[in-house]
Amino acid sequence: MARLHELVPGQRGRILAIEGNDHIARRLQEMGLLEGDTVEVVAWAPLGDPIEIRVGDSRLSVRKAEAQRVLIDELPAA
């Protein structure tokens, strides 16, 4: 088990859980980060924040602090 912010561009993982029960956790879920979905890190911003990710057909940007709340199971490279 890892956290989303630990992945490098090109790595993928399956979302196991989003930690917390506050507005940030709800916002991540509303953006489409749901348990069981596959997420891929597309790129990191030059200063390391935010992180561009792909979930389904969507590309999203999340802050590193938000990505730390997303627990994932790393998947092999595609």
PDB file of N, CA and C in Angstrom:
ATOM      1  N   MET A   1       0.852  -1.172   0.000  1.00  0.00           N
ATOM      2  CA  MET A   1       0.000   0.000   0.000  1.00  0.00           C
ATOM      3  C   MET A   1       0.899   1.237   0.000  1.00  0.00           C
ATOM      4  N   ALA A   2       0.478   2.222  -0.770  1.00  0.00           N
ATOM      5  CA  ALA A   2       1.230   3.472  -0.883  1.00  0.00           C
ATOM      6  C   ALA A   2       0.235   4.627  -0.876  1.00  0.00           C
ATOM      7  N   ARG A   3       0.759   5.813  -1.030  1.00  0.00           N
ATOM      8  CA  ARG A   3      -0.074   7.009  -1.135  1.00  0.00           C
ATOM      9  C   ARG A   3       0.165   7.637  -2.502  1.00  0.00           C
ATOM     10  N   LEU A   4      -0.845   8.310  -2.996  1.00  0.00           N
ATOM     11  CA  LEU A   4      -0.789   8.862  -4.346  1.00  0.00           C
ATOM     12  C   LEU A   4       0.419   9.775  -4.553  1.00  0.00           C
ATOM     13  N   HIS A   5       0.789  10.557  -3.556  1.00  0.00           N
ATOM     14  CA  HIS A   5       1.906  11.494  -3.728  1.00  0.00           C
ATOM     15  C   HIS A   5       3.260  10.797  -3.850  1.00  0.00           C
ATOM     16  N   GLU A   6       3.314   9.487  -3.589  1.00  0.00           N
ATOM     17  CA  GLU A   6       4.568   8.748  -3.673  1.00  0.00           C
ATOM     18  C   GLU A   6       4.853   8.217  -5.087  1.00  0.00           C
ATOM     19  N   LEU A   7       3.865   8.289  -5.961  1.00  0.00           N
ATOM     20  CA  LEU A   7       4.050   7.783  -7.325  1.00  0.00           C
ATOM     21  C   LEU A   7       4.784   8.800  -8.191  1.00  0.00           C
ATOM     22  N   VAL A   8       5.473   8.280  -9.179  1.00  0.00           N
ATOM     23  CA  VAL A   8       6.158   9.132 -10.155  1.00  0.00           C
ATOM     24  C   VAL A   8       5.356   9.108 -11.453  1.00  0.00           C
ATOM     25  N   PRO A   9       5.571  10.074 -12.343  1.00  0.00           N
ATOM     26  CA  PRO A   9       4.834  10.078 -13.602  1.00  0.00           C
ATOM     27  C   PRO A   9       4.928   8.735 -14.333  1.00  0.00           C
ATOM     28  N   GLY A  10       3.769   8.262 -14.784  1.00  0.00           N
ATOM     29  CA  GLY A  10       3.687   6.987 -15.474  1.00  0.00           C
ATOM     30  C   GLY A  10       3.235   5.842 -14.579  1.00  0.00           C
ATOM     31  N   GLN A  11       3.357   6.003 -13.269  1.00  0.00           N
ATOM     32  CA  GLN A  11       2.918   4.953 -12.352  1.00  0.00           C
ATOM     33  C   GLN A  11       1.413   5.021 -12.147  1.00  0.00           C
ATOM     34  N   ARG A  12       0.821   3.833 -11.940  1.00  0.00           N
ATOM     35  CA  ARG A  12      -0.617   3.727 -11.738  1.00  0.00           C
ATOM     36  C   ARG A  12      -0.912   3.004 -10.433  1.00  0.00           C
ATOM     37  N   GLY A  13      -2.120   3.220  -9.935  1.00  0.00           N
ATOM     38  CA  GLY A  13      -2.557   2.525  -8.736  1.00  0.00           C
ATOM     39  C   GLY A  13      -4.073   2.479  -8.655  1.00  0.00           C
ATOM     40  N   ARG A  14      -4.568   1.537  -7.861  1.00  0.00           N
ATOM     41  CA  ARG A  14      -6.003   1.432  -7.614  1.00  0.00           C
ATOM     42  C   ARG A  14      -6.298   2.089  -6.277  1.00  0.00           C
ATOM     43  N   ILE A  15      -7.293   2.962  -6.252  1.00  0.00           N
ATOM     44  CA  ILE A  15      -7.629   3.695  -5.032  1.00  0.00           C
ATOM     45  C   ILE A  15      -8.253   2.738  -4.019  1.00  0.00           C
ATOM     46  N   LEU A  16      -7.643   2.669  -2.833  1.00  0.00           N
ATOM     47  CA  LEU A  16      -8.161   1.834  -1.749  1.00  0.00           C
ATOM     48  C   LEU A  16      -9.063   2.638  -0.821  1.00  0.00           C
ATOM     49  N   ALA A  17      -8.669   3.874  -0.538  1.00  0.00           N
ATOM     50  CA  ALA A  17      -9.447   4.712   0.383  1.00  0.00           C
ATOM     51  C   ALA A  17      -8.953   6.145   0.300  1.00  0.00           C
ATOM     52  N   ILE A  18      -9.817   7.049   0.752  1.00  0.00           N
ATOM     53  CA  ILE A  18      -9.435   8.448   0.928  1.00  0.00           C
ATOM     54  C   ILE A  18      -9.588   8.734   2.411  1.00  0.00           C
ATOM     55  N   GLU A  19      -8.491   9.115   3.038  1.00  0.00           N
ATOM     56  CA  GLU A  19      -8.510   9.353   4.475  1.00  0.00           C
ATOM     57  C   GLU A  19      -9.248  10.636   4.823  1.00  0.00           C
ATOM     58  N   GLY A  20      -9.955  10.603   5.924  1.00  0.00           N
ATOM     59  CA  GLY A  20     -10.625  11.786   6.424  1.00  0.00           C
ATOM     60  C   GLY A  20     -12.103  11.785   6.109  1.00  0.00           C
ATOM     61  N   ASN A  21     -12.804  12.628   6.846  1.00  0.00           N
ATOM     62  CA  ASN A  21     -14.244  12.778   6.664  1.00  0.00           C
ATOM     63  C   ASN A  21     -14.568  14.271   6.748  1.00  0.00           C
ATOM     64  N   ASP A  22     -13.887  15.050   5.906  1.00  0.00           N
ATOM     65  CA  ASP A  22     -14.055  16.497   5.928  1.00  0.00           C
ATOM     66  C   ASP A  22     -14.280  17.008   4.510  1.00  0.00           C
ATOM     67  N   HIS A  23     -14.279  18.318   4.358  1.00  0.00           N
ATOM     68  CA  HIS A  23     -14.562  18.897   3.043  1.00  0.00           C
ATOM     69  C   HIS A  23     -13.518  18.520   1.991  1.00  0.00           C
ATOM     70  N   ILE A  24     -12.279  18.303   2.393  1.00  0.00           N
ATOM     71  CA  ILE A  24     -11.241  17.944   1.424  1.00  0.00           C
ATOM     72  C   ILE A  24     -11.486  16.534   0.895  1.00  0.00           C
ATOM     73  N   ALA A  25     -11.803  15.604   1.777  1.00  0.00           N
ATOM     74  CA  ALA A  25     -12.099  14.231   1.358  1.00  0.00           C
ATOM     75  C   ALA A  25     -13.320  14.210   0.445  1.00  0.00           C
ATOM     76  N   ARG A  26     -14.340  14.949   0.795  1.00  0.00           N
ATOM     77  CA  ARG A  26     -15.549  15.013  -0.044  1.00  0.00           C
ATOM     78  C   ARG A  26     -15.239  15.641  -1.397  1.00  0.00           C
ATOM     79  N   ARG A  27     -14.410  16.676  -1.407  1.00  0.00           N
ATOM     80  CA  ARG A  27     -14.043  17.338  -2.667  1.00  0.00           C
ATOM     81  C   ARG A  27     -13.294  16.378  -3.584  1.00  0.00           C
ATOM     82  N   LEU A  28     -12.380  15.595  -3.034  1.00  0.00           N
ATOM     83  CA  LEU A  28     -11.654  14.619  -3.842  1.00  0.00           C
ATOM     84  C   LEU A  28     -12.615  13.599  -4.456  1.00  0.00           C
ATOM     85  N   GLN A  29     -13.588  13.163  -3.670  1.00  0.00           N
ATOM     86  CA  GLN A  29     -14.574  12.215  -4.179  1.00  0.00           C
ATOM     87  C   GLN A  29     -15.439  12.862  -5.262  1.00  0.00           C
ATOM     88  N   GLU A  30     -15.815  14.102  -5.052  1.00  0.00           N
ATOM     89  CA  GLU A  30     -16.619  14.816  -6.054  1.00  0.00           C
ATOM     90  C   GLU A  30     -15.850  15.021  -7.353  1.00  0.00           C
ATOM     91  N   MET A  31     -14.520  15.102  -7.260  1.00  0.00           N
ATOM     92  CA  MET A  31     -13.676  15.262  -8.449  1.00  0.00           C
ATOM     93  C   MET A  31     -13.568  13.944  -9.225  1.00  0.00           C
ATOM     94  N   GLY A  32     -13.982  12.836  -8.602  1.00  0.00           N
ATOM     95  CA  GLY A  32     -13.949  11.557  -9.295  1.00  0.00           C
ATOM     96  C   GLY A  32     -12.981  10.543  -8.732  1.00  0.00           C
ATOM     97  N   LEU A  33     -12.339  10.851  -7.614  1.00  0.00           N
ATOM     98  CA  LEU A  33     -11.442   9.886  -6.978  1.00  0.00           C
ATOM     99  C   LEU A  33     -12.281   8.991  -6.069  1.00  0.00           C
ATOM    100  N   LEU A  34     -12.592   7.798  -6.567  1.00  0.00           N
ATOM    101  CA  LEU A  34     -13.463   6.882  -5.846  1.00  0.00           C
ATOM    102  C   LEU A  34     -12.755   5.553  -5.616  1.00  0.00           C
ATOM    103  N   GLU A  35     -13.072   4.900  -4.511  1.00  0.00           N
ATOM    104  CA  GLU A  35     -12.477   3.605  -4.195  1.00  0.00           C
ATOM    105  C   GLU A  35     -12.681   2.638  -5.356  1.00  0.00           C
ATOM    106  N   GLY A  36     -11.618   1.925  -5.708  1.00  0.00           N
ATOM    107  CA  GLY A  36     -11.676   0.945  -6.781  1.00  0.00           C
ATOM    108  C   GLY A  36     -11.255   1.488  -8.136  1.00  0.00           C
ATOM    109  N   ASP A  37     -11.247   2.799  -8.296  1.00  0.00           N
ATOM    110  CA  ASP A  37     -10.846   3.397  -9.576  1.00  0.00           C
ATOM    111  C   ASP A  37      -9.330   3.356  -9.739  1.00  0.00           C
ATOM    112  N   THR A  38      -8.896   3.328 -10.994  1.00  0.00           N
ATOM    113  CA  THR A  38      -7.468   3.379 -11.307  1.00  0.00           C
ATOM    114  C   THR A  38      -7.062   4.826 -11.541  1.00  0.00           C
ATOM    115  N   VAL A  39      -5.937   5.198 -10.967  1.00  0.00           N
ATOM    116  CA  VAL A  39      -5.412   6.549 -11.101  1.00  0.00           C
ATOM    117  C   VAL A  39      -3.970   6.444 -11.612  1.00  0.00           C
ATOM    118  N   GLU A  40      -3.592   7.373 -12.485  1.00  0.00           N
ATOM    119  CA  GLU A  40      -2.232   7.413 -13.019  1.00  0.00           C
ATOM    120  C   GLU A  40      -1.664   8.814 -12.824  1.00  0.00           C
ATOM    121  N   VAL A  41      -0.419   8.876 -12.381  1.00  0.00           N
ATOM    122  CA  VAL A  41       0.251  10.170 -12.268  1.00  0.00           C
ATOM    123  C   VAL A  41       0.769  10.530 -13.652  1.00  0.00           C
ATOM    124  N   VAL A  42       0.337  11.689 -14.144  1.00  0.00           N
ATOM    125  CA  VAL A  42       0.748  12.160 -15.472  1.00  0.00           C
ATOM    126  C   VAL A  42       2.011  13.006 -15.361  1.00  0.00           C
ATOM    127  N   ALA A  43       2.015  13.963 -14.429  1.00  0.00           N
ATOM    128  CA  ALA A  43       3.164  14.867 -14.291  1.00  0.00           C
ATOM    129  C   ALA A  43       3.136  15.565 -12.944  1.00  0.00           C
ATOM    130  N   TRP A  44       4.306  15.993 -12.530  1.00  0.00           N
ATOM    131  CA  TRP A  44       4.455  16.850 -11.352  1.00  0.00           C
ATOM    132  C   TRP A  44       4.787  18.254 -11.852  1.00  0.00           C
ATOM    133  N   ALA A  45       4.267  19.260 -11.186  1.00  0.00           N
ATOM    134  CA  ALA A  45       4.646  20.636 -11.515  1.00  0.00           C
ATOM    135  C   ALA A  45       6.135  20.815 -11.199  1.00  0.00           C
ATOM    136  N   PRO A  46       6.788  21.784 -11.823  1.00  0.00           N
ATOM    137  CA  PRO A  46       8.229  21.979 -11.620  1.00  0.00           C
ATOM    138  C   PRO A  46       8.655  22.093 -10.154  1.00  0.00           C
ATOM    139  N   LEU A  47       7.842  22.706  -9.319  1.00  0.00           N
ATOM    140  CA  LEU A  47       8.202  22.833  -7.903  1.00  0.00           C
ATOM    141  C   LEU A  47       7.594  21.733  -7.044  1.00  0.00           C
ATOM    142  N   GLY A  48       7.013  20.713  -7.679  1.00  0.00           N
ATOM    143  CA  GLY A  48       6.496  19.561  -6.954  1.00  0.00           C
ATOM    144  C   GLY A  48       5.047  19.673  -6.500  1.00  0.00           C
ATOM    145  N   ASP A  49       4.378  20.725  -6.858  1.00  0.00           N
ATOM    146  CA  ASP A  49       2.994  20.899  -6.430  1.00  0.00           C
ATOM    147  C   ASP A  49       2.304  21.828  -7.409  1.00  0.00           C
ATOM    148  N   PRO A  50       1.219  21.490  -8.042  1.00  0.00           N
ATOM    149  CA  PRO A  50       0.377  20.311  -7.856  1.00  0.00           C
ATOM    150  C   PRO A  50       0.851  19.122  -8.686  1.00  0.00           C
ATOM    151  N   ILE A  51       0.070  18.038  -8.580  1.00  0.00           N
ATOM    152  CA  ILE A  51       0.314  16.802  -9.313  1.00  0.00           C
ATOM    153  C   ILE A  51      -0.815  16.645 -10.326  1.00  0.00           C
ATOM    154  N   GLU A  52      -0.462  16.365 -11.565  1.00  0.00           N
ATOM    155  CA  GLU A  52      -1.484  16.098 -12.580  1.00  0.00           C
ATOM    156  C   GLU A  52      -1.725  14.595 -12.627  1.00  0.00           C
ATOM    157  N   ILE A  53      -2.989  14.196 -12.511  1.00  0.00           N
ATOM    158  CA  ILE A  53      -3.347  12.785 -12.508  1.00  0.00           C
ATOM    159  C   ILE A  53      -4.422  12.511 -13.551  1.00  0.00           C
ATOM    160  N   ARG A  54      -4.554  11.240 -13.914  1.00  0.00           N
ATOM    161  CA  ARG A  54      -5.617  10.803 -14.820  1.00  0.00           C
ATOM    162  C   ARG A  54      -6.472   9.785 -14.073  1.00  0.00           C
ATOM    163  N   VAL A  55      -7.778  10.034 -14.079  1.00  0.00           N
ATOM    164  CA  VAL A  55      -8.755   9.107 -13.514  1.00  0.00           C
ATOM    165  C   VAL A  55      -9.813   8.909 -14.585  1.00  0.00           C
ATOM    166  N   GLY A  56      -9.909   7.698 -15.095  1.00  0.00           N
ATOM    167  CA  GLY A  56     -10.830   7.459 -16.207  1.00  0.00           C
ATOM    168  C   GLY A  56     -10.422   8.299 -17.403  1.00  0.00           C
ATOM    169  N   ASP A  57     -11.369   9.065 -17.951  1.00  0.00           N
ATOM    170  CA  ASP A  57     -11.076   9.932 -19.095  1.00  0.00           C
ATOM    171  C   ASP A  57     -10.744  11.357 -18.682  1.00  0.00           C
ATOM    172  N   SER A  58     -10.630  11.595 -17.386  1.00  0.00           N
ATOM    173  CA  SER A  58     -10.398  12.958 -16.876  1.00  0.00           C
ATOM    174  C   SER A  58      -8.966  13.148 -16.418  1.00  0.00           C
ATOM    175  N   ARG A  59      -8.487  14.363 -16.621  1.00  0.00           N
ATOM    176  CA  ARG A  59      -7.194  14.779 -16.058  1.00  0.00           C
ATOM    177  C   ARG A  59      -7.478  15.818 -14.992  1.00  0.00           C
ATOM    178  N   LEU A  60      -6.879  15.627 -13.833  1.00  0.00           N
ATOM    179  CA  LEU A  60      -7.105  16.508 -12.692  1.00  0.00           C
ATOM    180  C   LEU A  60      -5.775  16.966 -12.126  1.00  0.00           C
ATOM    181  N   SER A  61      -5.801  18.096 -11.447  1.00  0.00           N
ATOM    182  CA  SER A  61      -4.647  18.561 -10.691  1.00  0.00           C
ATOM    183  C   SER A  61      -5.027  18.561  -9.221  1.00  0.00           C
ATOM    184  N   VAL A  62      -4.183  17.929  -8.413  1.00  0.00           N
ATOM    185  CA  VAL A  62      -4.416  17.900  -6.968  1.00  0.00           C
ATOM    186  C   VAL A  62      -3.150  18.359  -6.258  1.00  0.00           C
ATOM    187  N   ARG A  63      -3.348  18.985  -5.142  1.00  0.00           N
ATOM    188  CA  ARG A  63      -2.200  19.407  -4.337  1.00  0.00           C
ATOM    189  C   ARG A  63      -1.556  18.193  -3.681  1.00  0.00           C
ATOM    190  N   LYS A  64      -0.283  18.320  -3.395  1.00  0.00           N
ATOM    191  CA  LYS A  64       0.452  17.225  -2.769  1.00  0.00           C
ATOM    192  C   LYS A  64      -0.197  16.841  -1.443  1.00  0.00           C
ATOM    193  N   ALA A  65      -0.631  17.819  -0.659  1.00  0.00           N
ATOM    194  CA  ALA A  65      -1.270  17.541   0.633  1.00  0.00           C
ATOM    195  C   ALA A  65      -2.558  16.744   0.451  1.00  0.00           C
ATOM    196  N   GLU A  66      -3.280  16.996  -0.633  1.00  0.00           N
ATOM    197  CA  GLU A  66      -4.498  16.235  -0.911  1.00  0.00           C
ATOM    198  C   GLU A  66      -4.142  14.821  -1.363  1.00  0.00           C
ATOM    199  N   ALA A  67      -3.123  14.696  -2.194  1.00  0.00           N
ATOM    200  CA  ALA A  67      -2.700  13.387  -2.699  1.00  0.00           C
ATOM    201  C   ALA A  67      -2.190  12.486  -1.573  1.00  0.00           C
ATOM    202  N   GLN A  68      -1.687  13.071  -0.492  1.00  0.00           N
ATOM    203  CA  GLN A  68      -1.214  12.282   0.641  1.00  0.00           C
ATOM    204  C   GLN A  68      -2.353  11.532   1.323  1.00  0.00           C
ATOM    205  N   ARG A  69      -3.573  11.966   1.135  1.00  0.00           N
ATOM    206  CA  ARG A  69      -4.734  11.326   1.761  1.00  0.00           C
ATOM    207  C   ARG A  69      -5.269  10.143   0.975  1.00  0.00           C
ATOM    208  N   VAL A  70      -4.787   9.960  -0.262  1.00  0.00           N
ATOM    209  CA  VAL A  70      -5.314   8.905  -1.132  1.00  0.00           C
ATOM    210  C   VAL A  70      -4.428   7.658  -1.014  1.00  0.00           C
ATOM    211  N   LEU A  71      -4.988   6.609  -0.410  1.00  0.00           N
ATOM    212  CA  LEU A  71      -4.277   5.334  -0.270  1.00  0.00           C
ATOM    213  C   LEU A  71      -4.503   4.512  -1.528  1.00  0.00           C
ATOM    214  N   ILE A  72      -3.424   3.962  -2.057  1.00  0.00           N
ATOM    215  CA  ILE A  72      -3.532   3.215  -3.295  1.00  0.00           C
ATOM    216  C   ILE A  72      -2.768   1.887  -3.209  1.00  0.00           C
ATOM    217  N   ASP A  73      -3.137   0.995  -4.089  1.00  0.00           N
ATOM    218  CA  ASP A  73      -2.430  -0.258  -4.306  1.00  0.00           C
ATOM    219  C   ASP A  73      -1.747  -0.087  -5.650  1.00  0.00           C
ATOM    220  N   GLU A  74      -0.422  -0.064  -5.652  1.00  0.00           N
ATOM    221  CA  GLU A  74       0.309   0.164  -6.900  1.00  0.00           C
ATOM    222  C   GLU A  74       0.038  -0.940  -7.903  1.00  0.00           C
ATOM    223  N   LEU A  75      -0.087  -0.561  -9.169  1.00  0.00           N
ATOM    224  CA  LEU A  75      -0.314  -1.505 -10.259  1.00  0.00           C
ATOM    225  C   LEU A  75       0.922  -1.565 -11.141  1.00  0.00           C
ATOM    226  N   PRO A  76       1.128  -2.692 -11.808  1.00  0.00           N
ATOM    227  CA  PRO A  76       2.272  -2.778 -12.732  1.00  0.00           C
ATOM    228  C   PRO A  76       2.111  -1.806 -13.893  1.00  0.00           C
ATOM    229  N   ALA A  77       3.225  -1.433 -14.475  1.00  0.00           N
ATOM    230  CA  ALA A  77       3.201  -0.499 -15.610  1.00  0.00           C
ATOM    231  C   ALA A  77       2.414  -1.118 -16.764  1.00  0.00           C
ATOM    232  N   ALA A  78       1.715  -0.222 -17.473  1.00  0.00           N
ATOM    233  CA  ALA A  78       0.886  -0.695 -18.608  1.00  0.00           C
ATOM    234  C   ALA A  78       1.710  -0.898 -19.838  1.00  0.00           C
TER     235      ALA A  78
END
